[in-house]
Amino acid sequence: MTILEDSSLSQGSSSSDKNYAVINCFDPLDECLRTATLALLFTITLILCLVQVFRIIKNTRRYFSYQLIVLYIAIIECILAAIHWYFISSTSLIFLVIYCRDIELAVVTYFFIQSALIHFEAKNLKKIVLWPLYIFLFLILTAATIFGICVDLFDLYVDRDCGNPAFIILSGITLLNASVFFITGIIITVKYNRMNISSTILKQKKLILWSLIFTNFIVALISFTWDVTDIIHENISKSCVFFSDTSVVENVLEFCERFIDIIIPLWCLIITFEIEAKRTKEIKDESHELFDNIEQNQETFSKHYNEYQTFVSESNTYSTYPNINSEYSVVDSSDDSEEDEGY
């Protein structure tokens, strides 16, 4: 994902000293409009993330789950992006934004791979394979991000007219991670189809899973393709942009690039977690209703049981005289028998 500083902010380009953050943006209009729109979108996304975090915590009464961890990182990502487009137009901030996005994908992928291992009763592979693999992935992403920031801050690779080589490294790692997620999704779906669960729950699980898979895979593929195309275009045309860096078309392309690369994955997470939050709330409401019914049944049972106990105690009270009654009954029966015999 070759996201350079705004306004074709390529390293070494003549336009790289321009700062198109909203706070300093007055001209050209199309650049300022693009920057202001992105800043507004990230502000809205930040609010949506905060609302979603509040809802999940309220429904689950837990402060840590894979959804909440992803949303916490997404909040940091939105704050960094808002700072970038509102105040400081910096490639280093964009690297941090991309880093947050890649870590979010890594956490989601880790969760579903872990679920697959549990379904196939291979939990022993979690510590042997999964942990080392994702520690290595985390280190690679961190190293690539630090490398990209150093290239930006210390003007390394000055022989390159455009871009930063760390972008294609990050986009390649992201595409690899998304491909692993895609394969994992196929395996989990096969397992889902064999499970004896409600068709409604099964559809929701598949919808959540494949929404995340398709969105992240397509975004990673577009991002990697964009980076490769950017490098090819630079080597052929010796230009950092496809059109004039002040043209409306170029600004639209840059807006679409950022919207697809950063905002769409965030919105996908928010929407899918919203589905999970609603499902969790429905389960919680059903549980409360069930417990209420149980409590009502217990109260009814207790009432009837107390009535039964009262009846039994009263019966036992009257049953303290049966011997007297039985004696009378024996006498009466004997008299009757004698009378019968007399007849």
C-alpha atoms as a PDB file:
ATOM      1  CA  MET A   1       0.000   0.000   0.000  1.00  0.00           C
ATOM      2  CA  THR A   2       1.950   2.935  -1.248  1.00  0.00           C
ATOM      3  CA  ILE A   3       0.377   5.623   0.831  1.00  0.00           C
ATOM      4  CA  LEU A   4       2.592   8.652   0.585  1.00  0.00           C
ATOM      5  CA  GLU A   5       2.137  11.914   2.339  1.00  0.00           C
ATOM      6  CA  ASP A   6      -0.929  13.732   1.121  1.00  0.00           C
ATOM      7  CA  SER A   7      -0.862  15.698  -2.115  1.00  0.00           C
ATOM      8  CA  SER A   8       1.430  13.173  -3.737  1.00  0.00           C
ATOM      9  CA  LEU A   9       3.836  13.608  -0.875  1.00  0.00           C
ATOM     10  CA  SER A  10       6.608  11.563  -2.354  1.00  0.00           C
ATOM     11  CA  GLN A  11      10.091  11.528  -0.984  1.00  0.00           C
ATOM     12  CA  GLY A  12      12.257  13.898  -2.889  1.00  0.00           C
ATOM     13  CA  SER A  13       9.417  15.291  -4.964  1.00  0.00           C
ATOM     14  CA  SER A  14       8.882  18.962  -5.335  1.00  0.00           C
ATOM     15  CA  SER A  15       5.533  18.774  -3.622  1.00  0.00           C
ATOM     16  CA  SER A  16       6.761  16.926  -0.561  1.00  0.00           C
ATOM     17  CA  ASP A  17       7.162  20.123   1.453  1.00  0.00           C
ATOM     18  CA  LYS A  18       3.480  20.966   1.145  1.00  0.00           C
ATOM     19  CA  ASN A  19       1.375  20.274   4.166  1.00  0.00           C
ATOM     20  CA  TYR A  20      -2.228  19.515   3.281  1.00  0.00           C
ATOM     21  CA  ALA A  21      -3.451  18.866   6.797  1.00  0.00           C
ATOM     22  CA  VAL A  22      -6.845  20.445   7.361  1.00  0.00           C
ATOM     23  CA  ILE A  23      -5.502  23.049   9.769  1.00  0.00           C
ATOM     24  CA  ASN A  24      -3.111  24.440   7.137  1.00  0.00           C
ATOM     25  CA  CYS A  25      -5.091  23.728   3.984  1.00  0.00           C
ATOM     26  CA  PHE A  26      -6.484  26.649   2.008  1.00  0.00           C
ATOM     27  CA  ASP A  27      -5.462  25.941  -1.577  1.00  0.00           C
ATOM     28  CA  PRO A  28      -5.921  24.024  -3.862  1.00  0.00           C
ATOM     29  CA  LEU A  29      -9.552  23.364  -3.151  1.00  0.00           C
ATOM     30  CA  ASP A  30      -9.668  19.734  -4.357  1.00  0.00           C
ATOM     31  CA  GLU A  31      -6.681  18.782  -2.150  1.00  0.00           C
ATOM     32  CA  CYS A  32      -8.249  20.459   0.877  1.00  0.00           C
ATOM     33  CA  LEU A  33     -11.615  18.858   0.176  1.00  0.00           C
ATOM     34  CA  ARG A  34     -10.047  15.386  -0.032  1.00  0.00           C
ATOM     35  CA  THR A  35      -8.103  15.914   3.181  1.00  0.00           C
ATOM     36  CA  ALA A  36     -11.104  17.316   5.054  1.00  0.00           C
ATOM     37  CA  THR A  37     -13.306  14.423   3.878  1.00  0.00           C
ATOM     38  CA  LEU A  38     -10.800  11.819   5.068  1.00  0.00           C
ATOM     39  CA  ALA A  39     -10.411  13.607   8.400  1.00  0.00           C
ATOM     40  CA  LEU A  40     -14.196  13.665   8.853  1.00  0.00           C
ATOM     41  CA  LEU A  41     -14.527   9.971   7.934  1.00  0.00           C
ATOM     42  CA  PHE A  42     -11.924   8.979  10.499  1.00  0.00           C
ATOM     43  CA  THR A  43     -13.639  11.104  13.139  1.00  0.00           C
ATOM     44  CA  ILE A  44     -16.946   9.345  12.433  1.00  0.00           C
ATOM     45  CA  THR A  45     -15.202   5.963  12.464  1.00  0.00           C
ATOM     46  CA  LEU A  46     -13.587   6.795  15.819  1.00  0.00           C
ATOM     47  CA  ILE A  47     -17.007   7.595  17.311  1.00  0.00           C
ATOM     48  CA  LEU A  48     -18.456   4.346  15.915  1.00  0.00           C
ATOM     49  CA  CYS A  49     -15.586   2.351  17.412  1.00  0.00           C
ATOM     50  CA  LEU A  50     -16.124   3.936  20.825  1.00  0.00           C
ATOM     51  CA  VAL A  51     -19.869   3.219  20.674  1.00  0.00           C
ATOM     52  CA  GLN A  52     -19.194  -0.382  19.695  1.00  0.00           C
ATOM     53  CA  VAL A  53     -16.731  -0.845  22.553  1.00  0.00           C
ATOM     54  CA  PHE A  54     -19.280   0.521  25.014  1.00  0.00           C
ATOM     55  CA  ARG A  55     -22.011  -1.798  23.678  1.00  0.00           C
ATOM     56  CA  ILE A  56     -19.844  -4.914  23.799  1.00  0.00           C
ATOM     57  CA  ILE A  57     -18.674  -4.161  27.343  1.00  0.00           C
ATOM     58  CA  LYS A  58     -22.252  -3.471  28.414  1.00  0.00           C
ATOM     59  CA  ASN A  59     -23.566  -6.709  26.887  1.00  0.00           C
ATOM     60  CA  THR A  60     -20.729  -9.007  27.938  1.00  0.00           C
ATOM     61  CA  ARG A  61     -19.440  -7.218  31.062  1.00  0.00           C
ATOM     62  CA  ARG A  62     -15.933  -8.074  29.903  1.00  0.00           C
ATOM     63  CA  TYR A  63     -13.137  -5.654  29.084  1.00  0.00           C
ATOM     64  CA  PHE A  64     -10.976  -8.001  27.060  1.00  0.00           C
ATOM     65  CA  SER A  65     -11.947 -10.254  24.180  1.00  0.00           C
ATOM     66  CA  TYR A  66     -10.639 -10.555  20.673  1.00  0.00           C
ATOM     67  CA  GLN A  67     -13.303  -8.081  19.451  1.00  0.00           C
ATOM     68  CA  LEU A  68     -12.434  -5.534  22.127  1.00  0.00           C
ATOM     69  CA  ILE A  69      -8.680  -5.862  21.538  1.00  0.00           C
ATOM     70  CA  VAL A  70      -9.241  -5.235  17.822  1.00  0.00           C
ATOM     71  CA  LEU A  71     -11.478  -2.249  18.566  1.00  0.00           C
ATOM     72  CA  TYR A  72      -8.946  -0.780  21.017  1.00  0.00           C
ATOM     73  CA  ILE A  73      -6.303  -0.920  18.270  1.00  0.00           C
ATOM     74  CA  ALA A  74      -8.818   0.542  15.800  1.00  0.00           C
ATOM     75  CA  ILE A  75      -9.399   3.488  18.141  1.00  0.00           C
ATOM     76  CA  ILE A  76      -5.655   4.163  18.229  1.00  0.00           C
ATOM     77  CA  GLU A  77      -5.588   3.875  14.433  1.00  0.00           C
ATOM     78  CA  CYS A  78      -8.391   6.416  14.040  1.00  0.00           C
ATOM     79  CA  ILE A  79      -6.715   8.850  16.432  1.00  0.00           C
ATOM     80  CA  LEU A  80      -3.420   8.638  14.510  1.00  0.00           C
ATOM     81  CA  ALA A  81      -5.222   9.069  11.183  1.00  0.00           C
ATOM     82  CA  ALA A  82      -7.179  12.049  12.512  1.00  0.00           C
ATOM     83  CA  ILE A  83      -3.956  13.673  13.724  1.00  0.00           C
ATOM     84  CA  HIS A  84      -2.410  13.045  10.305  1.00  0.00           C
ATOM     85  CA  TRP A  85      -5.237  14.583   8.286  1.00  0.00           C
ATOM     86  CA  TYR A  86      -6.242  17.295  10.736  1.00  0.00           C
ATOM     87  CA  PHE A  87      -2.891  18.595  11.957  1.00  0.00           C
ATOM     88  CA  ILE A  88       0.323  16.897  10.729  1.00  0.00           C
ATOM     89  CA  SER A  89       0.566  15.491   7.225  1.00  0.00           C
ATOM     90  CA  SER A  90       3.305  12.917   7.827  1.00  0.00           C
ATOM     91  CA  THR A  91       4.251   9.638   6.143  1.00  0.00           C
ATOM     92  CA  SER A  92       5.477   8.341   9.520  1.00  0.00           C
ATOM     93  CA  LEU A  93       1.946   8.656  10.938  1.00  0.00           C
ATOM     94  CA  ILE A  94       0.591   6.793   7.919  1.00  0.00           C
ATOM     95  CA  PHE A  95       3.029   3.947   8.662  1.00  0.00           C
ATOM     96  CA  LEU A  96       1.667   3.744  12.199  1.00  0.00           C
ATOM     97  CA  VAL A  97      -1.895   3.722  10.851  1.00  0.00           C
ATOM     98  CA  ILE A  98      -1.062   0.848   8.477  1.00  0.00           C
ATOM     99  CA  TYR A  99       0.727  -0.966  11.304  1.00  0.00           C
ATOM    100  CA  CYS A 100      -2.415  -0.779  13.470  1.00  0.00           C
ATOM    101  CA  ARG A 101      -4.525  -2.086  10.588  1.00  0.00           C
ATOM    102  CA  ASP A 102      -2.176  -5.037  10.027  1.00  0.00           C
ATOM    103  CA  ILE A 103      -2.126  -5.884  13.740  1.00  0.00           C
ATOM    104  CA  GLU A 104      -5.942  -5.872  13.744  1.00  0.00           C
ATOM    105  CA  LEU A 105      -5.972  -8.383  10.886  1.00  0.00           C
ATOM    106  CA  ALA A 106      -3.366 -10.494  12.705  1.00  0.00           C
ATOM    107  CA  VAL A 107      -5.489 -10.614  15.884  1.00  0.00           C
ATOM    108  CA  VAL A 108      -8.635 -11.581  13.949  1.00  0.00           C
ATOM    109  CA  THR A 109      -6.751 -14.250  11.980  1.00  0.00           C
ATOM    110  CA  TYR A 110      -5.191 -15.610  15.170  1.00  0.00           C
ATOM    111  CA  PHE A 111      -8.597 -15.943  16.825  1.00  0.00           C
ATOM    112  CA  PHE A 112     -10.132 -17.889  13.942  1.00  0.00           C
ATOM    113  CA  ILE A 113      -7.090 -20.148  13.495  1.00  0.00           C
ATOM    114  CA  GLN A 114      -7.246 -20.871  17.221  1.00  0.00           C
ATOM    115  CA  SER A 115     -10.953 -21.708  16.830  1.00  0.00           C
ATOM    116  CA  ALA A 116     -10.096 -24.083  13.978  1.00  0.00           C
ATOM    117  CA  LEU A 117      -7.493 -25.839  16.140  1.00  0.00           C
ATOM    118  CA  ILE A 118     -10.035 -26.228  18.946  1.00  0.00           C
ATOM    119  CA  HIS A 119     -12.657 -27.624  16.536  1.00  0.00           C
ATOM    120  CA  PHE A 120     -10.183 -30.193  15.224  1.00  0.00           C
ATOM    121  CA  GLU A 121      -8.949 -31.025  18.729  1.00  0.00           C
ATOM    122  CA  ALA A 122      -5.424 -29.857  17.962  1.00  0.00           C
ATOM    123  CA  LYS A 123      -4.960 -27.381  20.814  1.00  0.00           C
ATOM    124  CA  ASN A 124      -1.415 -28.684  21.348  1.00  0.00           C
ATOM    125  CA  LEU A 125      -0.416 -26.936  18.100  1.00  0.00           C
ATOM    126  CA  LYS A 126      -1.328 -23.573  19.621  1.00  0.00           C
ATOM    127  CA  LYS A 127       1.874 -23.240  21.631  1.00  0.00           C
ATOM    128  CA  ILE A 128       4.036 -25.234  19.233  1.00  0.00           C
ATOM    129  CA  VAL A 129       3.063 -23.566  15.948  1.00  0.00           C
ATOM    130  CA  LEU A 130       0.605 -20.680  16.370  1.00  0.00           C
ATOM    131  CA  TRP A 131       2.408 -18.654  19.028  1.00  0.00           C
ATOM    132  CA  PRO A 132       5.858 -18.720  17.356  1.00  0.00           C
ATOM    133  CA  LEU A 133       4.287 -17.945  13.964  1.00  0.00           C
ATOM    134  CA  TYR A 134       2.425 -14.882  15.190  1.00  0.00           C
ATOM    135  CA  ILE A 135       5.306 -13.636  17.317  1.00  0.00           C
ATOM    136  CA  PHE A 136       7.411 -13.768  14.147  1.00  0.00           C
ATOM    137  CA  LEU A 137       4.661 -11.969  12.195  1.00  0.00           C
ATOM    138  CA  PHE A 138       4.460  -9.269  14.874  1.00  0.00           C
ATOM    139  CA  LEU A 139       8.244  -8.766  14.779  1.00  0.00           C
ATOM    140  CA  ILE A 140       8.295  -8.572  10.973  1.00  0.00           C
ATOM    141  CA  LEU A 141       5.485  -5.995  10.912  1.00  0.00           C
ATOM    142  CA  THR A 142       7.190  -3.964  13.628  1.00  0.00           C
ATOM    143  CA  ALA A 143      10.560  -4.076  11.847  1.00  0.00           C
ATOM    144  CA  ALA A 144       9.024  -3.069   8.493  1.00  0.00           C
ATOM    145  CA  THR A 145       7.161  -0.165  10.133  1.00  0.00           C
ATOM    146  CA  ILE A 146      10.273   1.089  11.943  1.00  0.00           C
ATOM    147  CA  PHE A 147      12.229   0.785   8.694  1.00  0.00           C
ATOM    148  CA  GLY A 148       9.614   2.824   6.840  1.00  0.00           C
ATOM    149  CA  ILE A 149       9.567   5.525   9.515  1.00  0.00           C
ATOM    150  CA  CYS A 150      13.378   5.733   9.451  1.00  0.00           C
ATOM    151  CA  VAL A 151      13.326   6.063   5.668  1.00  0.00           C
ATOM    152  CA  ASP A 152      10.876   8.937   6.032  1.00  0.00           C
ATOM    153  CA  LEU A 153      12.564  10.748   8.927  1.00  0.00           C
ATOM    154  CA  PHE A 154      16.185  10.404   7.788  1.00  0.00           C
ATOM    155  CA  ASP A 155      15.599  10.692   4.026  1.00  0.00           C
ATOM    156  CA  LEU A 156      17.055   7.308   3.220  1.00  0.00           C
ATOM    157  CA  TYR A 157      16.820   5.900  -0.305  1.00  0.00           C
ATOM    158  CA  VAL A 158      17.189   9.373  -1.765  1.00  0.00           C
ATOM    159  CA  ASP A 159      17.953   7.731  -5.100  1.00  0.00           C
ATOM    160  CA  ARG A 160      14.269   6.811  -5.297  1.00  0.00           C
ATOM    161  CA  ASP A 161      12.151   9.611  -6.695  1.00  0.00           C
ATOM    162  CA  CYS A 162       8.907   8.322  -5.244  1.00  0.00           C
ATOM    163  CA  GLY A 163       7.551   6.302  -2.437  1.00  0.00           C
ATOM    164  CA  ASN A 164       9.007   4.256   0.365  1.00  0.00           C
ATOM    165  CA  PRO A 165      10.106   0.616  -0.115  1.00  0.00           C
ATOM    166  CA  ALA A 166       8.629  -0.353   3.255  1.00  0.00           C
ATOM    167  CA  PHE A 167       5.095   0.061   1.876  1.00  0.00           C
ATOM    168  CA  ILE A 168       5.359  -2.888  -0.500  1.00  0.00           C
ATOM    169  CA  ILE A 169       6.922  -4.994   2.272  1.00  0.00           C
ATOM    170  CA  LEU A 170       3.936  -4.296   4.515  1.00  0.00           C
ATOM    171  CA  SER A 171       1.396  -4.879   1.752  1.00  0.00           C
ATOM    172  CA  GLY A 172       3.070  -8.195   0.872  1.00  0.00           C
ATOM    173  CA  ILE A 173       2.961  -9.375   4.492  1.00  0.00           C
ATOM    174  CA  THR A 174      -0.686  -8.282   4.746  1.00  0.00           C
ATOM    175  CA  LEU A 175      -1.604 -10.202   1.585  1.00  0.00           C
ATOM    176  CA  LEU A 176       0.110 -13.314   2.952  1.00  0.00           C
ATOM    177  CA  ASN A 177      -1.752 -12.993   6.261  1.00  0.00           C
ATOM    178  CA  ALA A 178      -5.064 -12.451   4.456  1.00  0.00           C
ATOM    179  CA  SER A 179      -4.402 -15.551   2.313  1.00  0.00           C
ATOM    180  CA  VAL A 180      -3.835 -17.637   5.452  1.00  0.00           C
ATOM    181  CA  PHE A 181      -7.091 -16.218   6.810  1.00  0.00           C
ATOM    182  CA  PHE A 182      -8.857 -17.235   3.582  1.00  0.00           C
ATOM    183  CA  ILE A 183      -7.615 -20.845   3.840  1.00  0.00           C
ATOM    184  CA  THR A 184      -8.529 -20.957   7.525  1.00  0.00           C
ATOM    185  CA  GLY A 185     -12.034 -19.732   6.648  1.00  0.00           C
ATOM    186  CA  ILE A 186     -12.548 -22.631   4.250  1.00  0.00           C
ATOM    187  CA  ILE A 187     -11.480 -25.137   6.924  1.00  0.00           C
ATOM    188  CA  ILE A 188     -13.722 -23.546   9.579  1.00  0.00           C
ATOM    189  CA  THR A 189     -16.686 -23.462   7.173  1.00  0.00           C
ATOM    190  CA  VAL A 190     -16.304 -27.207   6.502  1.00  0.00           C
ATOM    191  CA  LYS A 191     -16.325 -27.785  10.246  1.00  0.00           C
ATOM    192  CA  TYR A 192     -19.366 -25.519  10.703  1.00  0.00           C
ATOM    193  CA  ASN A 193     -21.320 -27.549   8.139  1.00  0.00           C
ATOM    194  CA  ARG A 194     -20.692 -30.711  10.141  1.00  0.00           C
ATOM    195  CA  MET A 195     -21.838 -29.199  13.422  1.00  0.00           C
ATOM    196  CA  ASN A 196     -25.328 -29.889  14.714  1.00  0.00           C
ATOM    197  CA  ILE A 197     -26.348 -26.295  15.447  1.00  0.00           C
ATOM    198  CA  SER A 198     -29.239 -24.012  14.546  1.00  0.00           C
ATOM    199  CA  SER A 199     -29.294 -22.908  10.900  1.00  0.00           C
ATOM    200  CA  THR A 200     -29.797 -19.286  11.991  1.00  0.00           C
ATOM    201  CA  ILE A 201     -26.714 -19.327  14.207  1.00  0.00           C
ATOM    202  CA  LEU A 202     -24.773 -21.106  11.460  1.00  0.00           C
ATOM    203  CA  LYS A 203     -25.675 -18.414   8.901  1.00  0.00           C
ATOM    204  CA  GLN A 204     -24.633 -15.653  11.291  1.00  0.00           C
ATOM    205  CA  LYS A 205     -21.309 -17.339  12.008  1.00  0.00           C
ATOM    206  CA  LYS A 206     -20.598 -17.768   8.293  1.00  0.00           C
ATOM    207  CA  LEU A 207     -21.646 -14.197   7.551  1.00  0.00           C
ATOM    208  CA  ILE A 208     -19.285 -12.783  10.186  1.00  0.00           C
ATOM    209  CA  LEU A 209     -16.421 -15.042   9.123  1.00  0.00           C
ATOM    210  CA  TRP A 210     -16.630 -14.473   5.377  1.00  0.00           C
ATOM    211  CA  SER A 211     -17.340 -10.759   5.659  1.00  0.00           C
ATOM    212  CA  LEU A 212     -14.020 -10.362   7.443  1.00  0.00           C
ATOM    213  CA  ILE A 213     -12.215 -12.726   5.063  1.00  0.00           C
ATOM    214  CA  PHE A 214     -13.419 -11.225   1.790  1.00  0.00           C
ATOM    215  CA  THR A 215     -12.973  -7.632   2.912  1.00  0.00           C
ATOM    216  CA  ASN A 216      -9.441  -8.094   4.201  1.00  0.00           C
ATOM    217  CA  PHE A 217      -8.341 -10.335   1.343  1.00  0.00           C
ATOM    218  CA  ILE A 218      -9.676  -8.021  -1.364  1.00  0.00           C
ATOM    219  CA  VAL A 219      -8.240  -4.935   0.365  1.00  0.00           C
ATOM    220  CA  ALA A 220      -4.833  -6.624   0.765  1.00  0.00           C
ATOM    221  CA  LEU A 221      -4.874  -7.743  -2.880  1.00  0.00           C
ATOM    222  CA  ILE A 222      -5.798  -4.261  -4.138  1.00  0.00           C
ATOM    223  CA  SER A 223      -3.169  -2.691  -1.888  1.00  0.00           C
ATOM    224  CA  PHE A 224      -0.399  -5.013  -3.079  1.00  0.00           C
ATOM    225  CA  THR A 225      -1.440  -4.602  -6.722  1.00  0.00           C
ATOM    226  CA  TRP A 226      -1.446  -0.821  -6.290  1.00  0.00           C
ATOM    227  CA  ASP A 227       2.105  -0.897  -4.885  1.00  0.00           C
ATOM    228  CA  VAL A 228       3.404  -3.108  -7.697  1.00  0.00           C
ATOM    229  CA  THR A 229       1.682  -0.914 -10.303  1.00  0.00           C
ATOM    230  CA  ASP A 230       3.122   2.172  -8.635  1.00  0.00           C
ATOM    231  CA  ILE A 231       6.668   0.808  -8.866  1.00  0.00           C
ATOM    232  CA  ILE A 232       6.211  -0.238 -12.491  1.00  0.00           C
ATOM    233  CA  HIS A 233       4.730   3.153 -13.362  1.00  0.00           C
ATOM    234  CA  GLU A 234       7.591   4.952 -11.637  1.00  0.00           C
ATOM    235  CA  ASN A 235      10.240   2.954 -13.510  1.00  0.00           C
ATOM    236  CA  ILE A 236       8.540   3.410 -16.887  1.00  0.00           C
ATOM    237  CA  SER A 237       7.325   7.002 -16.757  1.00  0.00           C
ATOM    238  CA  LYS A 238       9.769   8.368 -14.152  1.00  0.00           C
ATOM    239  CA  SER A 239       6.791  10.044 -12.505  1.00  0.00           C
ATOM    240  CA  CYS A 240       5.362   9.753  -9.000  1.00  0.00           C
ATOM    241  CA  VAL A 241       1.740  10.231 -10.042  1.00  0.00           C
ATOM    242  CA  PHE A 242      -0.483   8.848 -12.779  1.00  0.00           C
ATOM    243  CA  PHE A 243      -1.930  12.259 -13.552  1.00  0.00           C
ATOM    244  CA  SER A 244      -0.983  15.799 -12.625  1.00  0.00           C
ATOM    245  CA  ASP A 245      -0.565  16.023  -8.849  1.00  0.00           C
ATOM    246  CA  THR A 246      -3.039  18.918  -8.775  1.00  0.00           C
ATOM    247  CA  SER A 247      -5.662  17.296 -11.006  1.00  0.00           C
ATOM    248  CA  VAL A 248      -9.064  16.264  -9.724  1.00  0.00           C
ATOM    249  CA  VAL A 249      -8.591  12.729 -11.077  1.00  0.00           C
ATOM    250  CA  GLU A 250      -5.364  12.242  -9.118  1.00  0.00           C
ATOM    251  CA  ASN A 251      -7.041  13.453  -5.924  1.00  0.00           C
ATOM    252  CA  VAL A 252      -9.960  11.093  -6.488  1.00  0.00           C
ATOM    253  CA  LEU A 253      -7.516   8.197  -6.990  1.00  0.00           C
ATOM    254  CA  GLU A 254      -5.655   9.045  -3.795  1.00  0.00           C
ATOM    255  CA  PHE A 255      -8.915   9.358  -1.871  1.00  0.00           C
ATOM    256  CA  CYS A 256     -10.088   5.956  -3.157  1.00  0.00           C
ATOM    257  CA  GLU A 257      -6.730   4.409  -2.242  1.00  0.00           C
ATOM    258  CA  ARG A 258      -6.926   5.587   1.350  1.00  0.00           C
ATOM    259  CA  PHE A 259     -10.626   4.813   1.654  1.00  0.00           C
ATOM    260  CA  ILE A 260     -10.133   1.230   0.447  1.00  0.00           C
ATOM    261  CA  ASP A 261      -6.888   0.576   2.309  1.00  0.00           C
ATOM    262  CA  ILE A 262      -7.780   1.961   5.710  1.00  0.00           C
ATOM    263  CA  ILE A 263     -11.430   2.916   6.178  1.00  0.00           C
ATOM    264  CA  ILE A 264     -13.215  -0.059   4.579  1.00  0.00           C
ATOM    265  CA  PRO A 265     -11.463  -2.656   6.830  1.00  0.00           C
ATOM    266  CA  LEU A 266     -12.440  -0.588   9.869  1.00  0.00           C
ATOM    267  CA  TRP A 267     -16.052  -0.337   8.803  1.00  0.00           C
ATOM    268  CA  CYS A 268     -16.144  -4.071   8.103  1.00  0.00           C
ATOM    269  CA  LEU A 269     -14.940  -4.755  11.644  1.00  0.00           C
ATOM    270  CA  ILE A 270     -17.532  -2.406  13.121  1.00  0.00           C
ATOM    271  CA  ILE A 271     -20.398  -3.952  11.123  1.00  0.00           C
ATOM    272  CA  THR A 272     -19.456  -7.571  11.844  1.00  0.00           C
ATOM    273  CA  PHE A 273     -18.914  -6.838  15.525  1.00  0.00           C
ATOM    274  CA  GLU A 274     -22.301  -5.110  15.537  1.00  0.00           C
ATOM    275  CA  ILE A 275     -23.848  -8.385  14.338  1.00  0.00           C
ATOM    276  CA  GLU A 276     -22.018 -10.243  17.104  1.00  0.00           C
ATOM    277  CA  ALA A 277     -23.067  -7.645  19.669  1.00  0.00           C
ATOM    278  CA  LYS A 278     -26.722  -8.017  18.664  1.00  0.00           C
ATOM    279  CA  ARG A 279     -26.448 -11.808  18.819  1.00  0.00           C
ATOM    280  CA  THR A 280     -24.832 -11.598  22.248  1.00  0.00           C
ATOM    281  CA  LYS A 281     -27.586  -9.266  23.441  1.00  0.00           C
ATOM    282  CA  GLU A 282     -30.267 -11.633  22.106  1.00  0.00           C
ATOM    283  CA  ILE A 283     -28.645 -14.559  23.894  1.00  0.00           C
ATOM    284  CA  LYS A 284     -28.387 -12.472  27.047  1.00  0.00           C
ATOM    285  CA  ASP A 285     -32.065 -11.447  26.816  1.00  0.00           C
ATOM    286  CA  GLU A 286     -33.098 -15.057  26.216  1.00  0.00           C
ATOM    287  CA  SER A 287     -31.038 -16.144  29.204  1.00  0.00           C
ATOM    288  CA  HIS A 288     -32.636 -13.486  31.390  1.00  0.00           C
ATOM    289  CA  GLU A 289     -36.080 -14.532  30.175  1.00  0.00           C
ATOM    290  CA  LEU A 290     -35.255 -18.152  30.873  1.00  0.00           C
ATOM    291  CA  PHE A 291     -34.011 -17.347  34.362  1.00  0.00           C
ATOM    292  CA  ASP A 292     -37.093 -15.203  34.991  1.00  0.00           C
ATOM    293  CA  ASN A 293     -39.293 -18.111  33.957  1.00  0.00           C
ATOM    294  CA  ILE A 294     -37.311 -20.423  36.198  1.00  0.00           C
ATOM    295  CA  GLU A 295     -37.698 -18.019  39.101  1.00  0.00           C
ATOM    296  CA  GLN A 296     -41.425 -17.720  38.441  1.00  0.00           C
ATOM    297  CA  ASN A 297     -41.712 -21.488  38.239  1.00  0.00           C
ATOM    298  CA  GLN A 298     -39.736 -21.803  41.434  1.00  0.00           C
ATOM    299  CA  GLU A 299     -42.074 -19.349  43.159  1.00  0.00           C
ATOM    300  CA  THR A 300     -45.086 -21.278  41.858  1.00  0.00           C
ATOM    301  CA  PHE A 301     -43.525 -24.547  42.900  1.00  0.00           C
ATOM    302  CA  SER A 302     -42.666 -23.153  46.328  1.00  0.00           C
ATOM    303  CA  LYS A 303     -46.238 -21.913  46.758  1.00  0.00           C
ATOM    304  CA  HIS A 304     -47.716 -25.286  45.812  1.00  0.00           C
ATOM    305  CA  TYR A 305     -45.132 -27.131  47.849  1.00  0.00           C
ATOM    306  CA  ASN A 306     -45.964 -25.032  50.914  1.00  0.00           C
ATOM    307  CA  GLU A 307     -49.649 -25.740  50.372  1.00  0.00           C
ATOM    308  CA  TYR A 308     -48.836 -29.424  50.091  1.00  0.00           C
ATOM    309  CA  GLN A 309     -46.730 -29.304  53.247  1.00  0.00           C
ATOM    310  CA  THR A 310     -49.608 -27.577  55.088  1.00  0.00           C
ATOM    311  CA  PHE A 311     -52.017 -30.209  53.855  1.00  0.00           C
ATOM    312  CA  VAL A 312     -49.690 -33.013  54.955  1.00  0.00           C
ATOM    313  CA  SER A 313     -49.159 -31.448  58.390  1.00  0.00           C
ATOM    314  CA  GLU A 314     -52.886 -31.029  58.842  1.00  0.00           C
ATOM    315  CA  SER A 315     -53.454 -34.615  57.757  1.00  0.00           C
ATOM    316  CA  ASN A 316     -50.882 -35.785  60.233  1.00  0.00           C
ATOM    317  CA  THR A 317     -52.643 -33.800  62.943  1.00  0.00           C
ATOM    318  CA  TYR A 318     -55.926 -35.593  62.271  1.00  0.00           C
ATOM    319  CA  SER A 319     -54.175 -38.919  61.938  1.00  0.00           C
ATOM    320  CA  THR A 320     -53.201 -38.824  65.637  1.00  0.00           C
ATOM    321  CA  TYR A 321     -56.715 -40.210  66.417  1.00  0.00           C
ATOM    322  CA  PRO A 322     -56.959 -43.176  64.099  1.00  0.00           C
ATOM    323  CA  ASN A 323     -56.588 -45.728  66.885  1.00  0.00           C
ATOM    324  CA  ILE A 324     -59.646 -44.367  68.658  1.00  0.00           C
ATOM    325  CA  ASN A 325     -61.595 -44.303  65.473  1.00  0.00           C
ATOM    326  CA  SER A 326     -60.327 -47.722  64.546  1.00  0.00           C
ATOM    327  CA  GLU A 327     -61.417 -49.116  67.903  1.00  0.00           C
ATOM    328  CA  TYR A 328     -64.872 -47.767  67.330  1.00  0.00           C
ATOM    329  CA  SER A 329     -64.807 -49.101  63.868  1.00  0.00           C
ATOM    330  CA  VAL A 330     -63.715 -52.536  65.118  1.00  0.00           C
ATOM    331  CA  VAL A 331     -66.468 -52.601  67.718  1.00  0.00           C
ATOM    332  CA  ASP A 332     -68.994 -51.517  65.203  1.00  0.00           C
ATOM    333  CA  SER A 333     -67.844 -54.076  62.764  1.00  0.00           C
ATOM    334  CA  SER A 334     -67.914 -56.796  65.407  1.00  0.00           C
ATOM    335  CA  ASP A 335     -71.448 -55.859  66.415  1.00  0.00           C
ATOM    336  CA  ASP A 336     -72.511 -55.944  62.852  1.00  0.00           C
ATOM    337  CA  SER A 337     -70.907 -59.310  62.388  1.00  0.00           C
ATOM    338  CA  GLU A 338     -72.651 -60.684  65.456  1.00  0.00           C
ATOM    339  CA  GLU A 339     -75.939 -59.377  64.223  1.00  0.00           C
ATOM    340  CA  ASP A 340     -75.188 -60.966  60.904  1.00  0.00           C
ATOM    341  CA  GLU A 341     -74.401 -64.213  62.561  1.00  0.00           C
ATOM    342  CA  GLY A 342     -77.655 -64.002  64.578  1.00  0.00           C
ATOM    343  CA  TYR A 343     -79.565 -63.688  61.401  1.00  0.00           C
END
